PDB file of N, CA and C in Angstrom:
ATOM      1  N   GLY A   1     288.873 219.233  46.325  1.00  0.00           N
ATOM      2  CA  GLY A   1     288.019 219.745  45.293  1.00  0.00           C
ATOM      3  C   GLY A   1     288.164 218.957  44.004  1.00  0.00           C
ATOM      4  N   THR A   2     287.090 218.923  43.255  1.00  0.00           N
ATOM      5  CA  THR A   2     287.089 218.189  41.992  1.00  0.00           C
ATOM      6  C   THR A   2     287.214 219.101  40.779  1.00  0.00           C
ATOM      7  N   GLY A   3     286.897 220.372  40.925  1.00  0.00           N
ATOM      8  CA  GLY A   3     286.949 221.294  39.809  1.00  0.00           C
ATOM      9  C   GLY A   3     285.812 221.126  38.817  1.00  0.00           C
ATOM     10  N   THR A   4     284.752 220.422  39.231  1.00  0.00           N
ATOM     11  CA  THR A   4     283.619 220.190  38.331  1.00  0.00           C
ATOM     12  C   THR A   4     282.340 220.781  38.916  1.00  0.00           C
ATOM     13  N   THR A   5     281.310 220.854  38.087  1.00  0.00           N
ATOM     14  CA  THR A   5     280.004 221.317  38.541  1.00  0.00           C
ATOM     15  C   THR A   5     279.023 220.161  38.663  1.00  0.00           C
ATOM     16  N   SER A   6     279.526 218.935  38.579  1.00  0.00           N
ATOM     17  CA  SER A   6     278.639 217.770  38.629  1.00  0.00           C
ATOM     18  C   SER A   6     278.158 217.445  40.029  1.00  0.00           C
ATOM     19  N   GLY A   7     278.713 218.068  41.028  1.00  0.00           N
ATOM     20  CA  GLY A   7     278.166 217.934  42.364  1.00  0.00           C
ATOM     21  C   GLY A   7     278.945 217.069  43.314  1.00  0.00           C
ATOM     22  N   LEU A   8     279.660 217.683  44.218  1.00  0.00           N
ATOM     23  CA  LEU A   8     280.332 217.006  45.310  1.00  0.00           C
ATOM     24  C   LEU A   8     279.360 216.998  46.477  1.00  0.00           C
ATOM     25  N   ASN A   9     278.912 215.814  46.914  1.00  0.00           N
ATOM     26  CA  ASN A   9     277.930 215.708  48.000  1.00  0.00           C
ATOM     27  C   ASN A   9     278.614 215.593  49.352  1.00  0.00           C
ATOM     28  N   ILE A  10     278.192 216.424  50.288  1.00  0.00           N
ATOM     29  CA  ILE A  10     278.710 216.398  51.655  1.00  0.00           C
ATOM     30  C   ILE A  10     277.576 215.964  52.572  1.00  0.00           C
ATOM     31  N   TYR A  11     277.758 214.834  53.246  1.00  0.00           N
ATOM     32  CA  TYR A  11     276.744 214.304  54.165  1.00  0.00           C
ATOM     33  C   TYR A  11     276.955 214.892  55.552  1.00  0.00           C
ATOM     34  N   THR A  12     275.908 215.504  56.111  1.00  0.00           N
ATOM     35  CA  THR A  12     275.976 216.040  57.470  1.00  0.00           C
ATOM     36  C   THR A  12     274.997 215.336  58.406  1.00  0.00           C
ATOM     37  N   GLY A  13     273.975 214.684  57.831  1.00  0.00           N
ATOM     38  CA  GLY A  13     272.943 214.040  58.639  1.00  0.00           C
ATOM     39  C   GLY A  13     271.778 214.960  58.963  1.00  0.00           C
ATOM     40  N   PHE A  14     271.814 216.199  58.474  1.00  0.00           N
ATOM     41  CA  PHE A  14     270.724 217.151  58.716  1.00  0.00           C
ATOM     42  C   PHE A  14     270.647 218.135  57.552  1.00  0.00           C
ATOM     43  N   LYS A  15     269.533 218.848  57.464  1.00  0.00           N
ATOM     44  CA  LYS A  15     269.354 219.876  56.439  1.00  0.00           C
ATOM     45  C   LYS A  15     270.015 221.164  56.916  1.00  0.00           C
ATOM     46  N   PRO A  16     270.934 221.705  56.135  1.00  0.00           N
ATOM     47  CA  PRO A  16     271.628 222.933  56.554  1.00  0.00           C
ATOM     48  C   PRO A  16     270.735 224.171  56.493  1.00  0.00           C
ATOM     49  N   SER A  17     271.076 225.137  57.327  1.00  0.00           N
ATOM     50  CA  SER A  17     270.492 226.473  57.208  1.00  0.00           C
ATOM     51  C   SER A  17     271.595 227.495  56.931  1.00  0.00           C
ATOM     52  N   TRP A  18     272.858 227.118  57.208  1.00  0.00           N
ATOM     53  CA  TRP A  18     273.989 228.042  57.086  1.00  0.00           C
ATOM     54  C   TRP A  18     275.244 227.220  56.822  1.00  0.00           C
ATOM     55  N   ILE A  19     276.001 227.590  55.798  1.00  0.00           N
ATOM     56  CA  ILE A  19     277.232 226.872  55.446  1.00  0.00           C
ATOM     57  C   ILE A  19     278.331 227.885  55.165  1.00  0.00           C
ATOM     58  N   MET A  20     279.505 227.665  55.761  1.00  0.00           N
ATOM     59  CA  MET A  20     280.697 228.440  55.416  1.00  0.00           C
ATOM     60  C   MET A  20     281.733 227.463  54.883  1.00  0.00           C
ATOM     61  N   ILE A  21     282.346 227.805  53.754  1.00  0.00           N
ATOM     62  CA  ILE A  21     283.357 226.961  53.127  1.00  0.00           C
ATOM     63  C   ILE A  21     284.667 227.738  53.062  1.00  0.00           C
ATOM     64  N   LYS A  22     285.787 227.072  53.389  1.00  0.00           N
ATOM     65  CA  LYS A  22     287.099 227.722  53.358  1.00  0.00           C
ATOM     66  C   LYS A  22     288.093 226.802  52.681  1.00  0.00           C
ATOM     67  N   CYS A  23     288.748 227.306  51.637  1.00  0.00           N
ATOM     68  CA  CYS A  23     289.832 226.567  50.995  1.00  0.00           C
ATOM     69  C   CYS A  23     291.049 226.659  51.909  1.00  0.00           C
ATOM     70  N   THR A  24     291.576 225.510  52.328  1.00  0.00           N
ATOM     71  CA  THR A  24     292.703 225.498  53.254  1.00  0.00           C
ATOM     72  C   THR A  24     294.047 225.296  52.562  1.00  0.00           C
ATOM     73  N   SER A  25     294.027 224.978  51.273  1.00  0.00           N
ATOM     74  CA  SER A  25     295.278 224.672  50.575  1.00  0.00           C
ATOM     75  C   SER A  25     295.774 225.800  49.673  1.00  0.00           C
ATOM     76  N   THR A  26     294.977 226.849  49.490  1.00  0.00           N
ATOM     77  CA  THR A  26     295.358 227.940  48.592  1.00  0.00           C
ATOM     78  C   THR A  26     295.094 229.278  49.278  1.00  0.00           C
ATOM     79  N   ALA A  27     296.112 230.097  49.370  1.00  0.00           N
ATOM     80  CA  ALA A  27     295.960 231.424  49.996  1.00  0.00           C
ATOM     81  C   ALA A  27     295.169 232.357  49.085  1.00  0.00           C
ATOM     82  N   GLY A  28     294.522 233.344  49.696  1.00  0.00           N
ATOM     83  CA  GLY A  28     293.849 234.383  48.954  1.00  0.00           C
ATOM     84  C   GLY A  28     292.441 234.052  48.487  1.00  0.00           C
ATOM     85  N   THR A  29     291.901 232.926  48.943  1.00  0.00           N
ATOM     86  CA  THR A  29     290.531 232.592  48.566  1.00  0.00           C
ATOM     87  C   THR A  29     289.562 233.178  49.580  1.00  0.00           C
ATOM     88  N   ASN A  30     288.327 233.370  49.155  1.00  0.00           N
ATOM     89  CA  ASN A  30     287.292 233.908  50.030  1.00  0.00           C
ATOM     90  C   ASN A  30     286.685 232.826  50.907  1.00  0.00           C
ATOM     91  N   TRP A  31     285.953 233.251  51.915  1.00  0.00           N
ATOM     92  CA  TRP A  31     285.245 232.368  52.834  1.00  0.00           C
ATOM     93  C   TRP A  31     283.748 232.565  52.629  1.00  0.00           C
ATOM     94  N   PRO A  32     283.147 231.961  51.606  1.00  0.00           N
ATOM     95  CA  PRO A  32     281.730 232.195  51.329  1.00  0.00           C
ATOM     96  C   PRO A  32     280.808 231.550  52.358  1.00  0.00           C
ATOM     97  N   ILE A  33     279.748 232.276  52.680  1.00  0.00           N
ATOM     98  CA  ILE A  33     278.694 231.773  53.563  1.00  0.00           C
ATOM     99  C   ILE A  33     277.390 231.771  52.781  1.00  0.00           C
ATOM    100  N   PHE A  34     276.761 230.602  52.740  1.00  0.00           N
ATOM    101  CA  PHE A  34     275.454 230.439  52.103  1.00  0.00           C
ATOM    102  C   PHE A  34     274.432 230.172  53.195  1.00  0.00           C
ATOM    103  N   ASP A  35     273.213 230.686  53.028  1.00  0.00           N
ATOM    104  CA  ASP A  35     272.185 230.438  54.031  1.00  0.00           C
ATOM    105  C   ASP A  35     270.821 230.293  53.370  1.00  0.00           C
ATOM    106  N   ASN A  36     269.843 229.937  54.179  1.00  0.00           N
ATOM    107  CA  ASN A  36     268.486 229.731  53.650  1.00  0.00           C
ATOM    108  C   ASN A  36     267.638 231.000  53.722  1.00  0.00           C
ATOM    109  N   LYS A  37     268.242 232.136  53.969  1.00  0.00           N
ATOM    110  CA  LYS A  37     267.530 233.417  53.992  1.00  0.00           C
ATOM    111  C   LYS A  37     267.778 234.235  52.726  1.00  0.00           C
ATOM    112  N   ARG A  38     269.042 234.284  52.248  1.00  0.00           N
ATOM    113  CA  ARG A  38     269.360 235.012  51.014  1.00  0.00           C
ATOM    114  C   ARG A  38     268.773 234.310  49.795  1.00  0.00           C
ATOM    115  N   ASN A  39     268.929 233.004  49.730  1.00  0.00           N
ATOM    116  CA  ASN A  39     268.324 232.176  48.687  1.00  0.00           C
ATOM    117  C   ASN A  39     267.440 231.160  49.387  1.00  0.00           C
ATOM    118  N   THR A  40     266.174 231.153  49.066  1.00  0.00           N
ATOM    119  CA  THR A  40     265.243 230.254  49.747  1.00  0.00           C
ATOM    120  C   THR A  40     265.047 228.936  49.011  1.00  0.00           C
ATOM    121  N   SER A  41     265.666 228.784  47.833  1.00  0.00           N
ATOM    122  CA  SER A  41     265.586 227.523  47.102  1.00  0.00           C
ATOM    123  C   SER A  41     266.898 227.286  46.358  1.00  0.00           C
ATOM    124  N   ASN A  42     267.097 226.075  45.918  1.00  0.00           N
ATOM    125  CA  ASN A  42     268.315 225.702  45.197  1.00  0.00           C
ATOM    126  C   ASN A  42     268.273 226.209  43.761  1.00  0.00           C
ATOM    127  N   PRO A  43     269.409 226.558  43.197  1.00  0.00           N
ATOM    128  CA  PRO A  43     270.719 226.579  43.835  1.00  0.00           C
ATOM    129  C   PRO A  43     270.897 227.812  44.711  1.00  0.00           C
ATOM    130  N   ARG A  44     271.652 227.659  45.775  1.00  0.00           N
ATOM    131  CA  ARG A  44     271.975 228.785  46.669  1.00  0.00           C
ATOM    132  C   ARG A  44     273.253 229.400  46.100  1.00  0.00           C
ATOM    133  N   ASN A  45     273.125 230.463  45.332  1.00  0.00           N
ATOM    134  CA  ASN A  45     274.297 231.023  44.670  1.00  0.00           C
ATOM    135  C   ASN A  45     274.684 232.416  45.154  1.00  0.00           C
ATOM    136  N   THR A  46     273.948 232.966  46.105  1.00  0.00           N
ATOM    137  CA  THR A  46     274.318 234.244  46.699  1.00  0.00           C
ATOM    138  C   THR A  46     274.999 233.973  48.034  1.00  0.00           C
ATOM    139  N   ALA A  47     276.206 234.497  48.179  1.00  0.00           N
ATOM    140  CA  ALA A  47     276.974 234.271  49.403  1.00  0.00           C
ATOM    141  C   ALA A  47     277.465 235.596  49.948  1.00  0.00           C
ATOM    142  N   VAL A  48     277.708 235.606  51.234  1.00  0.00           N
ATOM    143  CA  VAL A  48     278.383 236.729  51.867  1.00  0.00           C
ATOM    144  C   VAL A  48     279.778 236.216  52.228  1.00  0.00           C
ATOM    145  N   PHE A  49     280.798 237.070  52.052  1.00  0.00           N
ATOM    146  CA  PHE A  49     282.168 236.663  52.343  1.00  0.00           C
ATOM    147  C   PHE A  49     282.538 237.060  53.766  1.00  0.00           C
ATOM    148  N   TYR A  50     282.828 236.086  54.600  1.00  0.00           N
ATOM    149  CA  TYR A  50     283.217 236.323  55.986  1.00  0.00           C
ATOM    150  C   TYR A  50     284.506 237.130  56.069  1.00  0.00           C
ATOM    151  N   ASN A  51     285.429 236.878  55.166  1.00  0.00           N
ATOM    152  CA  ASN A  51     286.749 237.498  55.240  1.00  0.00           C
ATOM    153  C   ASN A  51     286.806 238.914  54.679  1.00  0.00           C
ATOM    154  N   THR A  52     285.719 239.418  54.103  1.00  0.00           N
ATOM    155  CA  THR A  52     285.755 240.764  53.524  1.00  0.00           C
ATOM    156  C   THR A  52     284.666 241.658  54.109  1.00  0.00           C
ATOM    157  N   LEU A  53     284.354 241.459  55.359  1.00  0.00           N
ATOM    158  CA  LEU A  53     283.415 242.301  56.085  1.00  0.00           C
ATOM    159  C   LEU A  53     282.044 242.406  55.422  1.00  0.00           C
ATOM    160  N   GLY A  54     281.528 241.263  55.010  1.00  0.00           N
ATOM    161  CA  GLY A  54     280.148 241.226  54.560  1.00  0.00           C
ATOM    162  C   GLY A  54     279.904 241.492  53.094  1.00  0.00           C
ATOM    163  N   THR A  55     280.935 241.478  52.248  1.00  0.00           N
ATOM    164  CA  THR A  55     280.731 241.659  50.821  1.00  0.00           C
ATOM    165  C   THR A  55     279.884 240.516  50.277  1.00  0.00           C
ATOM    166  N   ASN A  56     278.875 240.835  49.472  1.00  0.00           N
ATOM    167  CA  ASN A  56     278.045 239.806  48.842  1.00  0.00           C
ATOM    168  C   ASN A  56     278.597 239.458  47.469  1.00  0.00           C
ATOM    169  N   SER A  57     278.387 238.209  47.058  1.00  0.00           N
ATOM    170  CA  SER A  57     278.801 237.770  45.742  1.00  0.00           C
ATOM    171  C   SER A  57     277.808 236.762  45.212  1.00  0.00           C
ATOM    172  N   ASN A  58     277.680 236.722  43.908  1.00  0.00           N
ATOM    173  CA  ASN A  58     276.853 235.709  43.265  1.00  0.00           C
ATOM    174  C   ASN A  58     277.754 234.746  42.508  1.00  0.00           C
ATOM    175  N   TYR A  59     277.641 233.470  42.842  1.00  0.00           N
ATOM    176  CA  TYR A  59     278.357 232.428  42.113  1.00  0.00           C
ATOM    177  C   TYR A  59     277.495 231.983  40.937  1.00  0.00           C
ATOM    178  N   THR A  60     278.119 231.369  39.953  1.00  0.00           N
ATOM    179  CA  THR A  60     277.363 230.867  38.808  1.00  0.00           C
ATOM    180  C   THR A  60     276.358 229.830  39.258  1.00  0.00           C
ATOM    181  N   TYR A  61     276.795 228.878  40.102  1.00  0.00           N
ATOM    182  CA  TYR A  61     275.918 227.804  40.559  1.00  0.00           C
ATOM    183  C   TYR A  61     275.822 227.760  42.076  1.00  0.00           C
ATOM    184  N   GLY A  62     276.951 227.700  42.786  1.00  0.00           N
ATOM    185  CA  GLY A  62     276.938 227.686  44.245  1.00  0.00           C
ATOM    186  C   GLY A  62     276.778 226.303  44.827  1.00  0.00           C
ATOM    187  N   VAL A  63     275.817 226.171  45.738  1.00  0.00           N
ATOM    188  CA  VAL A  63     275.569 224.901  46.423  1.00  0.00           C
ATOM    189  C   VAL A  63     274.067 224.622  46.449  1.00  0.00           C
ATOM    190  N   ASN A  64     273.740 223.357  46.612  1.00  0.00           N
ATOM    191  CA  ASN A  64     272.357 222.942  46.858  1.00  0.00           C
ATOM    192  C   ASN A  64     272.254 222.442  48.288  1.00  0.00           C
ATOM    193  N   PHE A  65     271.239 222.860  49.014  1.00  0.00           N
ATOM    194  CA  PHE A  65     270.945 222.307  50.329  1.00  0.00           C
ATOM    195  C   PHE A  65     270.026 221.109  50.113  1.00  0.00           C
ATOM    196  N   ASN A  66     270.259 220.014  50.837  1.00  0.00           N
ATOM    197  CA  ASN A  66     269.324 218.891  50.784  1.00  0.00           C
ATOM    198  C   ASN A  66     269.031 218.406  52.196  1.00  0.00           C
ATOM    199  N   ASP A  67     268.193 217.398  52.320  1.00  0.00           N
ATOM    200  CA  ASP A  67     267.738 216.949  53.647  1.00  0.00           C
ATOM    201  C   ASP A  67     268.838 216.359  54.517  1.00  0.00           C
ATOM    202  N   THR A  68     269.932 215.899  53.913  1.00  0.00           N
ATOM    203  CA  THR A  68     270.989 215.255  54.691  1.00  0.00           C
ATOM    204  C   THR A  68     272.358 215.902  54.504  1.00  0.00           C
ATOM    205  N   GLY A  69     272.392 217.130  54.004  1.00  0.00           N
ATOM    206  CA  GLY A  69     273.664 217.814  53.808  1.00  0.00           C
ATOM    207  C   GLY A  69     273.594 218.836  52.702  1.00  0.00           C
ATOM    208  N   PHE A  70     274.659 218.890  51.903  1.00  0.00           N
ATOM    209  CA  PHE A  70     274.680 219.842  50.802  1.00  0.00           C
ATOM    210  C   PHE A  70     275.517 219.308  49.659  1.00  0.00           C
ATOM    211  N   GLN A  71     275.310 219.910  48.495  1.00  0.00           N
ATOM    212  CA  GLN A  71     275.995 219.508  47.280  1.00  0.00           C
ATOM    213  C   GLN A  71     276.664 220.738  46.681  1.00  0.00           C
ATOM    214  N   VAL A  72     277.972 220.662  46.475  1.00  0.00           N
ATOM    215  CA  VAL A  72     278.711 221.740  45.837  1.00  0.00           C
ATOM    216  C   VAL A  72     278.575 221.554  44.330  1.00  0.00           C
ATOM    217  N   ILE A  73     277.993 222.546  43.654  1.00  0.00           N
ATOM    218  CA  ILE A  73     277.754 222.427  42.213  1.00  0.00           C
ATOM    219  C   ILE A  73     278.450 223.540  41.444  1.00  0.00           C
ATOM    220  N   ASP A  74     279.583 223.983  41.938  1.00  0.00           N
ATOM    221  CA  ASP A  74     280.332 225.074  41.329  1.00  0.00           C
ATOM    222  C   ASP A  74     281.809 224.700  41.307  1.00  0.00           C
ATOM    223  N   SER A  75     282.516 225.088  40.266  1.00  0.00           N
ATOM    224  CA  SER A  75     283.946 224.761  40.160  1.00  0.00           C
ATOM    225  C   SER A  75     284.847 225.919  40.586  1.00  0.00           C
ATOM    226  N   ASP A  76     284.262 226.991  41.132  1.00  0.00           N
ATOM    227  CA  ASP A  76     285.030 228.138  41.588  1.00  0.00           C
ATOM    228  C   ASP A  76     286.046 227.708  42.648  1.00  0.00           C
ATOM    229  N   GLY A  77     287.217 228.328  42.634  1.00  0.00           N
ATOM    230  CA  GLY A  77     288.272 227.987  43.576  1.00  0.00           C
ATOM    231  C   GLY A  77     287.915 228.197  45.032  1.00  0.00           C
ATOM    232  N   ASP A  78     286.947 229.083  45.314  1.00  0.00           N
ATOM    233  CA  ASP A  78     286.484 229.274  46.691  1.00  0.00           C
ATOM    234  C   ASP A  78     285.727 228.049  47.195  1.00  0.00           C
ATOM    235  N   LEU A  79     285.147 227.273  46.277  1.00  0.00           N
ATOM    236  CA  LEU A  79     284.230 226.192  46.655  1.00  0.00           C
ATOM    237  C   LEU A  79     284.702 224.795  46.286  1.00  0.00           C
ATOM    238  N   ASN A  80     285.328 224.648  45.111  1.00  0.00           N
ATOM    239  CA  ASN A  80     285.568 223.304  44.590  1.00  0.00           C
ATOM    240  C   ASN A  80     286.659 223.295  43.523  1.00  0.00           C
ATOM    241  N   GLY A  81     287.761 223.982  43.757  1.00  0.00           N
ATOM    242  CA  GLY A  81     288.855 224.015  42.797  1.00  0.00           C
ATOM    243  C   GLY A  81     289.549 222.663  42.706  1.00  0.00           C
ATOM    244  N   SER A  82     289.936 222.268  41.526  1.00  0.00           N
ATOM    245  CA  SER A  82     290.563 220.971  41.294  1.00  0.00           C
ATOM    246  C   SER A  82     291.819 220.789  42.153  1.00  0.00           C
ATOM    247  N   GLY A  83     291.850 219.701  42.917  1.00  0.00           N
ATOM    248  CA  GLY A  83     293.004 219.372  43.740  1.00  0.00           C
ATOM    249  C   GLY A  83     293.149 220.175  45.020  1.00  0.00           C
ATOM    250  N   ARG A  84     292.235 221.065  45.294  1.00  0.00           N
ATOM    251  CA  ARG A  84     292.318 221.879  46.512  1.00  0.00           C
ATOM    252  C   ARG A  84     291.646 221.166  47.688  1.00  0.00           C
ATOM    253  N   GLU A  85     292.028 221.568  48.886  1.00  0.00           N
ATOM    254  CA  GLU A  85     291.440 221.015  50.104  1.00  0.00           C
ATOM    255  C   GLU A  85     290.568 222.076  50.768  1.00  0.00           C
ATOM    256  N   TYR A  86     289.468 221.619  51.376  1.00  0.00           N
ATOM    257  CA  TYR A  86     288.481 222.518  51.969  1.00  0.00           C
ATOM    258  C   TYR A  86     288.052 222.051  53.340  1.00  0.00           C
ATOM    259  N   MET A  87     287.628 223.002  54.159  1.00  0.00           N
ATOM    260  CA  MET A  87     286.930 222.698  55.397  1.00  0.00           C
ATOM    261  C   MET A  87     285.626 223.478  55.360  1.00  0.00           C
ATOM    262  N   PHE A  88     284.684 223.046  56.147  1.00  0.00           N
ATOM    263  CA  PHE A  88     283.391 223.726  56.158  1.00  0.00           C
ATOM    264  C   PHE A  88     282.789 223.675  57.550  1.00  0.00           C
ATOM    265  N   MET A  89     281.902 224.621  57.787  1.00  0.00           N
ATOM    266  CA  MET A  89     281.125 224.670  59.022  1.00  0.00           C
ATOM    267  C   MET A  89     279.675 224.755  58.605  1.00  0.00           C
ATOM    268  N   VAL A  90     278.838 223.911  59.204  1.00  0.00           N
ATOM    269  CA  VAL A  90     277.424 223.849  58.809  1.00  0.00           C
ATOM    270  C   VAL A  90     276.559 223.868  60.063  1.00  0.00           C
ATOM    271  N   PHE A  91     275.500 224.684  60.028  1.00  0.00           N
ATOM    272  CA  PHE A  91     274.516 224.705  61.104  1.00  0.00           C
ATOM    273  C   PHE A  91     273.184 224.199  60.567  1.00  0.00           C
ATOM    274  N   SER A  92     272.449 223.484  61.398  1.00  0.00           N
ATOM    275  CA  SER A  92     271.190 222.877  61.031  1.00  0.00           C
ATOM    276  C   SER A  92     270.046 223.886  61.053  1.00  0.00           C
ATOM    277  N   GLU A  93     268.954 223.531  60.342  1.00  0.00           N
ATOM    278  CA  GLU A  93     267.741 224.348  60.390  1.00  0.00           C
ATOM    279  C   GLU A  93     267.206 224.403  61.795  1.00  0.00           C
TER     280      GLU A  93
END
């Protein structure tokens, strides 16, 4: 993670329809899921938390979906905390 909102770009080779992000280096963080149904345009800032049985949350910025992947535009520790490590799962449209 960079800890900035300037945009960390993740290349997947396809346009996402569903993204789950998990911080692997810090305990106690949420597992946000963004999709193209809750938010139909960028920024996708409404997420459901996989680890809390479907609790919804709104991030300040969230992520942007693009034609070849996604861009993290939030500095929240769940998504892009400075110096943290993350894994993600992405499904195509």
